[in-house]
Amino acid sequence: MRNKKTVMMLAATFALSATVLGACGSNNGNNGGTNAGATGSPAAESQSPAASADAGAVDTSQELKIKMLMVGGKPVDYDAVFAEINKKLKEKVNATIDAEFLDWADWTQKYPLKFAANEDFDIAYTANWAFYNDQALKGGFMELTDDMLSKFMPQTMKAMPAVAWEQSKVNGKQFMVPNNNPEVTDKAVLIREDLRKKYNLEPVNSPETYAAYLKAIAANEKGINGFNAKGADGWKWHELDQILLEQANDFNLVDYSMPLAYKLDDATGKVFNIYDTPEFKSLLAYYKDLADNGAWSKNIVSNKNDVWQDIKAGKTASYAQNLGTVAMNLAELKREQPNVELAIADLTPNSKKIAAISTQNGFAIHATSKKADRSLMVLDLLQNDKEIHDLFMYGIAGTNYEPVGDDKFNALPGTPNYTGFSNWGSNSPLNRKDASYPAEADAIATDWEKKVYHFKLETFVFNDANVKNEVANVGNVMLRYAIPLEYGLIKDIDKGQADLIAQLKAAGIEKVQKELQSQIDAFLAAQ
């Protein structure tokens, strides 16, 4: 859904922040004697008193080391923080965690190889953007039954909304313990408000006022890019696309690996190629005009710089990201460079808003783990035990963060030493908010929450098993033909759009669209 790319930057917001099993994902042979024959829906249990089964009755006499696979760079203070976490885990469930970190630079290559090689680990971070459906369908994750969840995760079963369990099922089966912290996933733009005022421009609150801002920067501020973004780097849609094409038109891309979407308010779920729409043609003209007027570098597609660092260095005047990230960026610069004024611009204030589905972040149990029961007990504590949750999410109080009451924190010099990795798989109502979180971002979030739109296909997940080759081919075409076109780097945009559509057809997009439509039709018919 709309949120697939969002999470890569969420660390700035929150992270201060058995026998070998077959492809069916059965859970026979788990340590602790789980009933492998249990079936049913975790959602049905989540509001039931039965969900508070006595986890203390589980035999935890044997100390276990739980191996955990995380996405992101290993934090500097990992050893110190996890030593404290492990003290608490040992006291409560006689287990400790040993985490392995897959760096952002190469995690997409290494992550699936860990499963293909059947390496020894118990818990894996996963998400709708991080191989969840793929590994669930391949048998890489263990199926989690109601009995398992009720027995080993009683706090989670009590706290998790029923819809979160339903959203995280694959083919009717549960393979993930999702995060419990829904959020609106729309993107916003961070701008240099002082430069807007310098040139007496209108407030930036629409595509038109944003274009005027970018052109003014390009014309008057030498050495500053009006807009910048990280190069394509495998992502098929840049953030402005998500704002100006998807959000602005109330489209919903089914999966960011292909350009197939439907209108949010279309109850029939009719799928279309977003590249073959009048809205896309119009956006190409908008982009081409900006590119021709120098709004961004001609090398933007290959940019490797950290865009936020470029903004701090005065080299870039705007970029787009999720609201939480730009809010924390604004707060950071206000502390470090009070003479520079930033503002958050909502370019689509009247659009429908989508709340992230629960698979935005989560943890799964490796299908071959022999420590599944204790692993679930650990995850239960990471998400719901206040003391352990604080350690896992924010590090050591007084070193990595300063607690402010029960639900806020202040950053400290040691904050950067424990951030940037996927501990947000345990996001929950216990999360703290930075006490310096800007009031203007809170106001936008409050407004967005009033506009959250729930729709029939909200929990739909596409199974690409029958068209994997075609989906891969389509993705390659998007990177090669669409990204340069969208940045206005193709001289003849009409020919560029026609070439893109022709290449997509050759790659098999019509077969993918037919398969997708068939699955959507079946999903709606079953409701």
Protein backbone atom coordinates (compact mmCIF):
# COMPACT_ATOMS: atom_id res chain seq x y z
CA MET A 1 0.00 0.00 0.00
CA ARG A 2 0.98 3.65 0.24
CA ASN A 3 3.30 3.02 3.13
CA LYS A 4 5.88 0.70 1.66
CA LYS A 5 8.61 3.22 1.21
CA THR A 6 7.77 5.22 4.30
CA VAL A 7 9.40 3.03 6.86
CA MET A 8 12.96 3.36 5.67
CA MET A 9 13.12 6.71 7.42
CA LEU A 10 11.06 6.05 10.53
CA ALA A 11 14.11 5.53 12.71
CA ALA A 12 14.40 9.30 13.00
CA THR A 13 10.91 9.36 14.44
CA PHE A 14 10.58 6.44 16.78
CA ALA A 15 13.77 4.50 17.14
CA LEU A 16 15.56 6.88 19.48
CA SER A 17 14.47 4.38 18.54
CA ALA A 18 11.53 -28.11 16.50
CA THR A 19 12.04 -30.06 13.42
CA VAL A 20 12.82 -28.47 10.08
CA LEU A 21 9.54 -27.17 8.72
CA GLY A 22 8.11 -27.56 5.28
CA ALA A 23 6.72 -24.90 2.99
CA CYS A 24 3.34 -25.16 4.71
CA GLY A 25 4.81 -23.30 7.70
CA SER A 26 3.64 -25.82 10.30
CA ASN A 27 4.97 -25.48 13.81
CA ASN A 28 5.59 -29.05 14.83
CA GLY A 29 8.42 -29.67 17.23
CA ASN A 30 8.64 -26.25 18.88
CA ASN A 31 10.32 -26.00 22.23
CA GLY A 32 7.63 -25.80 24.86
CA GLY A 33 5.00 -28.15 23.49
CA THR A 34 2.80 -25.85 21.40
CA ASN A 35 -0.37 -27.46 20.09
CA ALA A 36 0.40 -27.59 16.37
CA GLY A 37 -3.13 -28.54 15.49
CA ALA A 38 -4.74 -25.33 16.70
CA THR A 39 -6.49 -23.24 14.09
CA GLY A 40 -8.54 -20.09 13.95
CA SER A 41 -8.19 -16.34 14.00
CA PRO A 42 -6.04 -14.43 16.49
CA ALA A 43 -8.42 -11.54 15.97
CA ALA A 44 -11.21 -13.58 17.47
CA GLU A 45 -9.16 -14.02 20.62
CA SER A 46 -7.79 -10.51 20.94
CA GLN A 47 -10.77 -9.17 22.81
CA SER A 48 -11.44 -12.33 24.79
CA PRO A 49 -10.56 -13.10 28.44
CA ALA A 50 -9.07 -16.34 27.14
CA ALA A 51 -6.29 -14.26 25.64
CA SER A 52 -4.85 -13.69 29.11
CA ALA A 53 -3.69 -17.27 29.50
CA ASP A 54 -1.13 -17.73 32.27
CA ALA A 55 2.26 -17.52 30.56
CA GLY A 56 3.79 -18.27 33.95
CA ALA A 57 2.69 -21.88 33.52
CA VAL A 58 5.20 -22.29 30.68
CA ASP A 59 8.33 -24.23 31.55
CA THR A 60 11.18 -21.70 31.35
CA SER A 61 13.66 -23.63 33.48
CA GLN A 62 16.14 -23.91 30.61
CA GLU A 63 17.89 -20.64 29.76
CA LEU A 64 17.68 -19.93 26.02
CA LYS A 65 19.54 -17.55 23.75
CA ILE A 66 17.21 -16.14 21.12
CA LYS A 67 18.85 -15.14 17.84
CA MET A 68 17.26 -12.11 16.26
CA LEU A 69 17.65 -10.79 12.70
CA MET A 70 17.34 -7.02 12.44
CA VAL A 71 17.38 -4.57 9.54
CA GLY A 72 19.61 -1.50 9.77
CA GLY A 73 23.07 -0.69 11.06
CA LYS A 74 24.24 -2.04 14.41
CA PRO A 75 23.91 0.82 16.91
CA VAL A 76 27.06 2.03 18.65
CA ASP A 77 25.60 1.31 22.09
CA TYR A 78 24.19 -2.11 21.18
CA ASP A 79 26.29 -4.03 23.70
CA ALA A 80 25.43 -1.78 26.63
CA VAL A 81 21.71 -1.52 25.85
CA PHE A 82 21.14 -5.18 25.07
CA ALA A 83 23.04 -6.17 28.22
CA GLU A 84 20.35 -4.31 30.18
CA ILE A 85 17.54 -5.77 28.07
CA ASN A 86 18.91 -9.26 28.59
CA LYS A 87 19.04 -8.82 32.37
CA LYS A 88 15.31 -8.08 32.35
CA LEU A 89 14.46 -10.86 29.87
CA LYS A 90 16.41 -13.40 31.90
CA GLU A 91 14.54 -12.42 35.05
CA LYS A 92 11.13 -12.69 33.40
CA VAL A 93 11.37 -15.50 30.82
CA ASN A 94 14.90 -16.91 31.32
CA ALA A 95 15.99 -15.89 27.83
CA THR A 96 18.46 -13.47 26.26
CA ILE A 97 18.69 -11.90 22.80
CA ASP A 98 21.64 -12.02 20.43
CA ALA A 99 20.87 -9.71 17.49
CA GLU A 100 22.41 -9.64 14.02
CA PHE A 101 22.08 -6.46 11.95
CA LEU A 102 21.80 -6.25 8.16
CA ASP A 103 23.06 -2.83 7.13
CA TRP A 104 20.84 -0.59 5.01
CA ALA A 105 23.41 -0.65 2.20
CA ASP A 106 22.87 -4.33 1.38
CA TRP A 107 20.02 -5.69 3.47
CA THR A 108 17.76 -6.35 0.47
CA GLN A 109 20.34 -8.76 -0.90
CA LYS A 110 21.32 -10.43 2.40
CA TYR A 111 17.87 -10.82 3.96
CA PRO A 112 16.43 -13.43 1.56
CA LEU A 113 19.75 -15.28 1.48
CA LYS A 114 19.52 -15.86 5.23
CA PHE A 115 16.29 -17.80 4.67
CA ALA A 116 17.46 -19.56 1.52
CA ALA A 117 20.51 -20.85 3.39
CA ASN A 118 18.33 -21.83 6.38
CA GLU A 119 20.64 -20.02 8.77
CA ASP A 120 20.16 -20.42 12.49
CA PHE A 121 18.01 -17.61 13.89
CA ASP A 122 14.68 -17.44 15.72
CA ILE A 123 13.13 -14.00 15.24
CA ALA A 124 13.25 -11.83 12.12
CA TYR A 125 12.13 -8.26 11.60
CA THR A 126 9.72 -8.11 8.68
CA ALA A 127 7.22 -5.75 7.06
CA ASN A 128 5.11 -5.32 3.97
CA TRP A 129 8.14 -3.57 2.46
CA ALA A 130 10.62 -6.07 3.92
CA PHE A 131 9.82 -9.48 2.44
CA TYR A 132 6.87 -10.38 4.69
CA ASN A 133 4.53 -11.76 2.04
CA ASP A 134 7.40 -13.28 0.09
CA GLN A 135 8.79 -15.26 3.01
CA ALA A 136 5.37 -16.19 4.38
CA LEU A 137 4.48 -17.74 1.01
CA LYS A 138 7.86 -19.46 0.66
CA GLY A 139 7.60 -21.08 4.09
CA GLY A 140 10.29 -18.92 5.67
CA PHE A 141 8.05 -17.93 8.60
CA MET A 142 6.28 -20.14 11.10
CA GLU A 143 2.49 -20.09 11.21
CA LEU A 144 1.29 -18.61 14.50
CA THR A 145 -1.88 -20.23 15.80
CA ASP A 146 -4.38 -18.85 18.29
CA ASP A 147 -3.17 -21.30 20.93
CA MET A 148 0.43 -20.19 20.53
CA LEU A 149 -0.40 -16.49 20.68
CA SER A 150 -2.78 -16.82 23.63
CA LYS A 151 -0.37 -18.96 25.63
CA PHE A 152 2.91 -17.19 24.92
CA MET A 153 1.81 -13.62 24.11
CA PRO A 154 -1.03 -12.83 26.52
CA GLN A 155 -0.24 -9.10 26.79
CA THR A 156 -0.10 -8.72 23.02
CA MET A 157 -3.38 -10.58 22.57
CA LYS A 158 -5.03 -8.27 25.08
CA ALA A 159 -3.65 -5.06 23.58
CA MET A 160 -3.64 -5.73 19.83
CA PRO A 161 -6.72 -4.53 17.90
CA ALA A 162 -8.53 -7.33 16.07
CA VAL A 163 -8.07 -5.56 12.74
CA ALA A 164 -4.29 -5.66 13.12
CA TRP A 165 -4.31 -9.46 13.19
CA GLU A 166 -6.60 -9.59 10.16
CA GLN A 167 -4.43 -7.17 8.20
CA SER A 168 -1.31 -9.23 8.79
CA LYS A 169 -2.62 -12.59 7.60
CA VAL A 170 -1.35 -14.19 4.41
CA ASN A 171 -3.77 -16.59 2.75
CA GLY A 172 -5.80 -16.62 5.94
CA LYS A 173 -2.87 -17.62 8.15
CA GLN A 174 -0.93 -15.63 10.72
CA PHE A 175 2.84 -15.37 10.26
CA MET A 176 3.65 -12.06 11.92
CA VAL A 177 3.36 -10.34 15.27
CA PRO A 178 2.55 -6.89 13.87
CA ASN A 179 3.36 -3.60 15.48
CA ASN A 180 0.55 -1.97 17.43
CA ASN A 181 0.93 1.69 16.56
CA PRO A 182 -1.19 2.77 13.57
CA GLU A 183 -0.29 6.00 11.80
CA VAL A 184 -1.30 7.99 8.75
CA THR A 185 1.23 7.30 6.02
CA ASP A 186 0.89 10.35 3.78
CA LYS A 187 4.03 12.25 2.89
CA ALA A 188 4.77 15.94 3.39
CA VAL A 189 7.47 18.33 2.20
CA LEU A 190 10.03 20.07 4.38
CA ILE A 191 10.96 23.52 3.04
CA ARG A 192 13.22 26.42 3.92
CA GLU A 193 10.55 28.75 5.24
CA ASP A 194 13.07 31.57 5.61
CA LEU A 195 13.77 31.44 1.86
CA ARG A 196 10.04 31.43 1.07
CA LYS A 197 9.64 34.58 3.13
CA LYS A 198 12.77 36.12 1.61
CA TYR A 199 11.13 36.05 -1.84
CA ASN A 200 7.67 36.99 -0.54
CA LEU A 201 6.10 33.80 -1.87
CA GLU A 202 2.69 32.45 -0.95
CA PRO A 203 2.57 29.76 1.76
CA VAL A 204 3.41 26.38 0.25
CA ASN A 205 0.23 24.31 0.48
CA SER A 206 -0.38 22.99 -3.04
CA PRO A 207 1.51 21.67 -6.08
CA GLU A 208 1.28 25.14 -7.65
CA THR A 209 2.68 27.07 -4.69
CA TYR A 210 5.41 24.46 -4.31
CA ALA A 211 6.40 24.86 -7.96
CA ALA A 212 6.64 28.63 -7.48
CA TYR A 213 8.87 28.08 -4.46
CA LEU A 214 11.20 25.69 -6.33
CA LYS A 215 11.52 28.03 -9.30
CA ALA A 216 12.33 30.97 -7.04
CA ILE A 217 15.09 29.00 -5.33
CA ALA A 218 16.52 27.88 -8.67
CA ALA A 219 16.51 31.42 -10.05
CA ASN A 220 17.95 33.18 -7.04
CA GLU A 221 19.88 30.83 -4.76
CA LYS A 222 23.01 29.63 -6.51
CA GLY A 223 24.51 26.45 -5.10
CA ILE A 224 21.20 25.31 -3.60
CA ASN A 225 18.99 22.62 -5.14
CA GLY A 226 15.33 23.50 -4.75
CA PHE A 227 14.48 19.82 -4.23
CA ASN A 228 16.58 16.72 -3.76
CA ALA A 229 16.06 13.02 -3.13
CA LYS A 230 18.16 9.91 -2.75
CA GLY A 231 18.82 8.22 -6.09
CA ALA A 232 16.49 5.44 -7.28
CA ASP A 233 18.48 2.77 -5.39
CA GLY A 234 15.92 0.07 -6.16
CA TRP A 235 12.85 2.15 -5.27
CA LYS A 236 10.43 2.55 -8.15
CA TRP A 237 8.60 5.64 -6.85
CA HIS A 238 10.14 8.78 -5.43
CA GLU A 239 8.41 10.68 -2.65
CA LEU A 240 7.00 13.45 -4.83
CA ASP A 241 5.24 10.78 -6.91
CA GLN A 242 3.57 9.51 -3.78
CA ILE A 243 2.38 13.01 -2.93
CA LEU A 244 1.53 14.49 -6.33
CA LEU A 245 0.29 11.38 -8.12
CA GLU A 246 -1.00 8.96 -5.50
CA GLN A 247 -2.15 11.20 -2.65
CA ALA A 248 -3.35 14.07 -4.83
CA ASN A 249 -5.65 11.82 -6.87
CA ASP A 250 -6.79 9.41 -4.13
CA PHE A 251 -5.11 6.54 -5.95
CA ASN A 252 -3.84 3.53 -4.04
CA LEU A 253 -0.88 1.64 -5.45
CA VAL A 254 -1.35 -2.02 -4.60
CA ASP A 255 2.37 -2.67 -4.43
CA TYR A 256 5.28 -0.32 -5.05
CA SER A 257 6.98 -2.91 -7.24
CA MET A 258 4.45 -2.24 -10.02
CA PRO A 259 2.41 0.73 -11.32
CA LEU A 260 -1.04 -0.81 -10.76
CA ALA A 261 -3.57 1.08 -8.67
CA TYR A 262 -7.26 1.64 -7.97
CA LYS A 263 -9.27 4.61 -6.76
CA LEU A 264 -9.82 4.59 -3.01
CA ASP A 265 -13.56 5.20 -3.36
CA ASP A 266 -14.08 2.64 -6.16
CA ALA A 267 -16.02 -0.15 -4.47
CA THR A 268 -15.41 -2.41 -7.49
CA GLY A 269 -11.63 -2.20 -7.16
CA LYS A 270 -10.99 -1.68 -10.86
CA VAL A 271 -7.24 -1.82 -11.47
CA PHE A 272 -5.44 0.47 -13.91
CA ASN A 273 -1.89 1.24 -14.99
CA ILE A 274 -1.09 4.50 -13.26
CA TYR A 275 1.41 5.39 -15.99
CA ASP A 276 -1.38 5.28 -18.57
CA THR A 277 -3.61 7.93 -16.98
CA PRO A 278 -4.30 11.62 -17.72
CA GLU A 279 -3.13 12.39 -14.18
CA PHE A 280 0.31 10.93 -14.89
CA LYS A 281 0.60 12.77 -18.21
CA SER A 282 -0.24 16.02 -16.44
CA LEU A 283 2.31 15.33 -13.70
CA LEU A 284 5.02 14.69 -16.29
CA ALA A 285 4.45 18.18 -17.70
CA TYR A 286 4.70 19.57 -14.14
CA TYR A 287 7.98 17.72 -13.55
CA LYS A 288 9.40 18.68 -16.93
CA ASP A 289 8.70 22.36 -16.27
CA LEU A 290 10.48 22.15 -12.91
CA ALA A 291 13.44 20.27 -14.35
CA ASP A 292 13.81 22.76 -17.19
CA ASN A 293 13.80 25.57 -14.64
CA GLY A 294 16.56 23.97 -12.57
CA ALA A 295 14.47 22.86 -9.59
CA TRP A 296 16.79 19.87 -9.05
CA SER A 297 20.11 18.57 -10.25
CA LYS A 298 20.35 16.70 -13.55
CA ASN A 299 22.20 14.04 -11.52
CA ILE A 300 19.36 13.49 -9.07
CA VAL A 301 18.77 9.90 -10.25
CA SER A 302 22.27 8.91 -9.16
CA ASN A 303 22.43 11.04 -6.02
CA LYS A 304 24.03 9.15 -3.12
CA ASN A 305 24.05 11.96 -0.58
CA ASP A 306 22.02 11.99 2.60
CA VAL A 307 19.45 14.62 1.64
CA TRP A 308 18.79 15.71 5.20
CA GLN A 309 22.49 16.38 5.72
CA ASP A 310 22.46 18.45 2.51
CA ILE A 311 19.58 20.52 3.90
CA LYS A 312 21.51 21.07 7.14
CA ALA A 313 24.54 22.12 5.08
CA GLY A 314 22.47 24.63 3.10
CA LYS A 315 22.77 22.72 -0.20
CA THR A 316 19.09 21.72 -0.56
CA ALA A 317 15.92 23.74 0.06
CA SER A 318 13.32 20.96 0.31
CA TYR A 319 12.68 17.24 0.36
CA ALA A 320 9.70 14.95 0.90
CA GLN A 321 9.19 12.25 3.51
CA ASN A 322 6.73 10.93 6.05
CA LEU A 323 5.38 13.44 8.55
CA GLY A 324 7.20 12.02 11.56
CA THR A 325 10.58 12.22 9.87
CA VAL A 326 10.25 15.79 8.61
CA ALA A 327 8.90 16.83 12.01
CA MET A 328 11.94 15.47 13.80
CA ASN A 329 14.21 17.05 11.18
CA LEU A 330 12.56 20.40 11.84
CA ALA A 331 13.05 20.02 15.60
CA GLU A 332 16.69 19.00 15.13
CA LEU A 333 17.57 22.03 13.01
CA LYS A 334 15.70 24.35 15.36
CA ARG A 335 18.04 23.14 18.12
CA GLU A 336 21.23 23.18 16.06
CA GLN A 337 20.69 26.15 13.71
CA PRO A 338 18.05 28.45 15.22
CA ASN A 339 18.78 31.08 12.56
CA VAL A 340 17.43 28.74 9.83
CA GLU A 341 13.63 28.48 9.66
CA LEU A 342 11.97 25.36 8.26
CA ALA A 343 8.30 24.59 7.67
CA ILE A 344 6.26 21.50 6.88
CA ALA A 345 4.18 21.80 3.73
CA ASP A 346 1.14 19.61 3.13
CA LEU A 347 0.66 19.67 -0.65
CA THR A 348 -2.53 17.59 -0.60
CA PRO A 349 -4.54 18.92 2.36
CA ASN A 350 -7.89 17.86 0.91
CA SER A 351 -7.04 14.30 -0.05
CA LYS A 352 -8.25 11.15 1.65
CA LYS A 353 -5.77 9.76 4.15
CA ILE A 354 -4.68 6.16 4.58
CA ALA A 355 -3.63 4.68 7.90
CA ALA A 356 -0.74 2.24 7.75
CA ILE A 357 -1.81 -1.36 7.91
CA SER A 358 -0.32 -3.34 10.74
CA THR A 359 2.33 -4.97 8.54
CA GLN A 360 4.13 -1.62 8.37
CA ASN A 361 6.46 -3.14 10.97
CA GLY A 362 6.56 -6.42 12.85
CA PHE A 363 8.43 -9.57 13.83
CA ALA A 364 8.07 -13.14 12.64
CA ILE A 365 9.41 -16.48 13.85
CA HIS A 366 11.81 -18.29 11.56
CA ALA A 367 10.12 -21.46 10.31
CA THR A 368 13.00 -23.67 11.50
CA SER A 369 13.32 -22.16 14.98
CA LYS A 370 13.30 -24.67 17.84
CA LYS A 371 12.71 -21.82 20.31
CA ALA A 372 9.45 -20.44 18.96
CA ASP A 373 7.58 -20.44 22.26
CA ARG A 374 10.23 -18.50 24.17
CA SER A 375 10.73 -16.20 21.18
CA LEU A 376 7.05 -15.25 21.32
CA MET A 377 7.37 -14.60 25.05
CA VAL A 378 10.29 -12.27 24.35
CA LEU A 379 8.31 -10.41 21.68
CA ASP A 380 5.40 -10.09 24.10
CA LEU A 381 7.67 -8.26 26.53
CA LEU A 382 9.40 -6.11 23.92
CA GLN A 383 6.05 -4.72 22.81
CA ASN A 384 4.18 -4.53 26.13
CA ASP A 385 6.48 -4.43 29.16
CA LYS A 386 7.12 -0.73 29.83
CA GLU A 387 10.62 -1.09 31.23
CA ILE A 388 11.81 -3.50 28.54
CA HIS A 389 10.03 -1.58 25.79
CA ASP A 390 11.76 1.65 26.80
CA LEU A 391 15.15 -0.05 26.71
CA PHE A 392 14.51 -1.71 23.36
CA MET A 393 13.11 1.40 21.69
CA TYR A 394 15.18 4.21 23.23
CA GLY A 395 18.20 2.72 24.97
CA ILE A 396 19.47 3.53 28.45
CA ALA A 397 17.78 6.40 30.29
CA GLY A 398 20.26 9.17 31.06
CA THR A 399 22.61 7.99 28.32
CA ASN A 400 20.59 7.56 25.13
CA TYR A 401 17.53 9.59 26.11
CA GLU A 402 16.01 11.53 28.97
CA PRO A 403 12.56 10.29 30.03
CA VAL A 404 9.91 13.01 30.32
CA GLY A 405 6.97 11.57 32.21
CA ASP A 406 5.66 8.24 30.93
CA ASP A 407 5.20 9.09 27.28
CA LYS A 408 7.84 11.61 26.16
CA PHE A 409 11.60 11.92 25.97
CA ASN A 410 14.32 14.47 25.36
CA ALA A 411 17.25 13.74 23.10
CA LEU A 412 20.74 13.61 24.62
CA PRO A 413 24.24 13.66 23.08
CA GLY A 414 24.13 9.86 23.27
CA THR A 415 20.85 9.57 21.34
CA PRO A 416 22.51 8.94 17.94
CA ASN A 417 24.36 5.98 19.45
CA TYR A 418 21.13 3.99 19.67
CA THR A 419 19.06 4.60 16.58
CA GLY A 420 18.64 3.71 12.92
CA PHE A 421 17.53 0.08 13.07
CA SER A 422 14.31 -1.91 13.07
CA ASN A 423 13.42 -1.93 16.75
CA TRP A 424 10.22 -0.27 15.51
CA GLY A 425 8.91 -3.77 14.87
CA SER A 426 7.79 -3.42 18.50
CA ASN A 427 6.05 -0.07 18.12
CA SER A 428 3.12 0.01 20.54
CA PRO A 429 0.97 2.37 22.62
CA LEU A 430 3.93 2.49 25.03
CA ASN A 431 6.02 4.47 22.51
CA ARG A 432 7.35 7.80 23.72
CA LYS A 433 7.21 10.99 21.66
CA ASP A 434 10.08 13.45 21.50
CA ALA A 435 9.16 16.32 23.81
CA SER A 436 10.45 18.70 21.16
CA TYR A 437 8.12 17.29 18.50
CA PRO A 438 6.88 20.39 16.67
CA ALA A 439 3.40 21.66 17.42
CA GLU A 440 2.82 22.30 13.70
CA ALA A 441 3.43 18.62 12.93
CA ASP A 442 1.00 17.60 15.67
CA ALA A 443 -1.59 19.91 14.14
CA ILE A 444 -1.12 18.31 10.70
CA ALA A 445 -1.29 14.82 12.18
CA THR A 446 -4.50 15.66 14.04
CA ASP A 447 -6.03 17.01 10.85
CA TRP A 448 -4.96 13.93 8.87
CA GLU A 449 -6.38 11.56 11.45
CA LYS A 450 -9.80 13.14 10.94
CA LYS A 451 -9.56 12.31 7.24
CA VAL A 452 -8.52 8.66 7.47
CA TYR A 453 -10.49 6.78 4.85
CA HIS A 454 -11.36 3.13 5.35
CA PHE A 455 -12.09 1.15 2.23
CA LYS A 456 -12.95 -2.41 1.24
CA LEU A 457 -9.50 -3.26 -0.07
CA GLU A 458 -7.68 -1.90 2.99
CA THR A 459 -6.48 -5.36 4.05
CA PHE A 460 -5.97 -6.81 0.58
CA VAL A 461 -2.51 -8.26 -0.08
CA PHE A 462 -1.39 -9.27 -3.56
CA ASN A 463 0.12 -12.74 -3.97
CA ASP A 464 2.50 -12.49 -6.93
CA ALA A 465 3.45 -16.19 -6.94
CA ASN A 466 1.94 -16.76 -10.39
CA VAL A 467 3.59 -13.72 -11.98
CA LYS A 468 6.91 -13.33 -10.17
CA ASN A 469 8.97 -13.11 -13.35
CA GLU A 470 6.66 -10.54 -14.86
CA VAL A 471 6.67 -8.44 -11.67
CA ALA A 472 10.47 -8.47 -11.66
CA ASN A 473 10.57 -7.46 -15.32
CA VAL A 474 8.06 -4.67 -14.74
CA GLY A 475 10.18 -3.37 -11.85
CA ASN A 476 13.25 -3.23 -14.04
CA VAL A 477 11.34 -1.23 -16.66
CA MET A 478 10.15 1.21 -14.01
CA LEU A 479 13.69 1.88 -12.85
CA ARG A 480 15.08 2.27 -16.36
CA TYR A 481 12.30 4.21 -18.07
CA ALA A 482 10.00 5.74 -15.45
CA ILE A 483 12.38 7.36 -12.97
CA PRO A 484 14.25 9.55 -15.52
CA LEU A 485 10.92 10.46 -17.13
CA GLU A 486 9.44 11.52 -13.79
CA TYR A 487 12.41 13.75 -13.04
CA GLY A 488 11.92 15.56 -16.35
CA LEU A 489 15.19 14.23 -17.77
CA ILE A 490 13.62 12.94 -20.99
CA LYS A 491 13.35 15.65 -23.65
CA ASP A 492 10.13 14.40 -25.32
CA ILE A 493 7.82 13.42 -22.48
CA ASP A 494 5.05 12.16 -24.79
CA LYS A 495 7.46 9.79 -26.49
CA GLY A 496 8.95 8.90 -23.11
CA GLN A 497 5.53 7.96 -21.74
CA ALA A 498 4.70 5.92 -24.86
CA ASP A 499 8.05 4.09 -24.62
CA LEU A 500 7.45 3.37 -20.95
CA ILE A 501 4.02 1.88 -21.59
CA ALA A 502 5.31 -0.18 -24.53
CA GLN A 503 8.18 -1.55 -22.45
CA LEU A 504 5.79 -2.42 -19.62
CA LYS A 505 3.60 -4.39 -22.02
CA ALA A 506 6.64 -6.26 -23.28
CA ALA A 507 7.60 -7.00 -19.67
CA GLY A 508 4.21 -8.62 -19.03
CA ILE A 509 2.26 -5.98 -17.14
CA GLU A 510 -1.04 -7.05 -18.72
CA LYS A 511 -0.60 -10.54 -17.28
CA VAL A 512 0.17 -9.05 -13.87
CA GLN A 513 -2.86 -6.76 -14.08
CA LYS A 514 -5.14 -9.66 -14.98
CA GLU A 515 -3.84 -11.73 -12.06
CA LEU A 516 -4.20 -8.78 -9.68
CA GLN A 517 -7.73 -8.01 -10.82
CA SER A 518 -8.71 -11.65 -10.39
CA GLN A 519 -7.44 -11.66 -6.80
CA ILE A 520 -9.14 -8.35 -5.98
CA ASP A 521 -12.44 -9.59 -7.43
CA ALA A 522 -12.23 -12.76 -5.34
CA PHE A 523 -11.33 -10.75 -2.22
CA LEU A 524 -14.33 -8.43 -2.66
CA ALA A 525 -16.67 -11.33 -3.44
CA ALA A 526 -15.70 -13.01 -0.19
CA GLN A 527 -16.57 -9.98 1.94
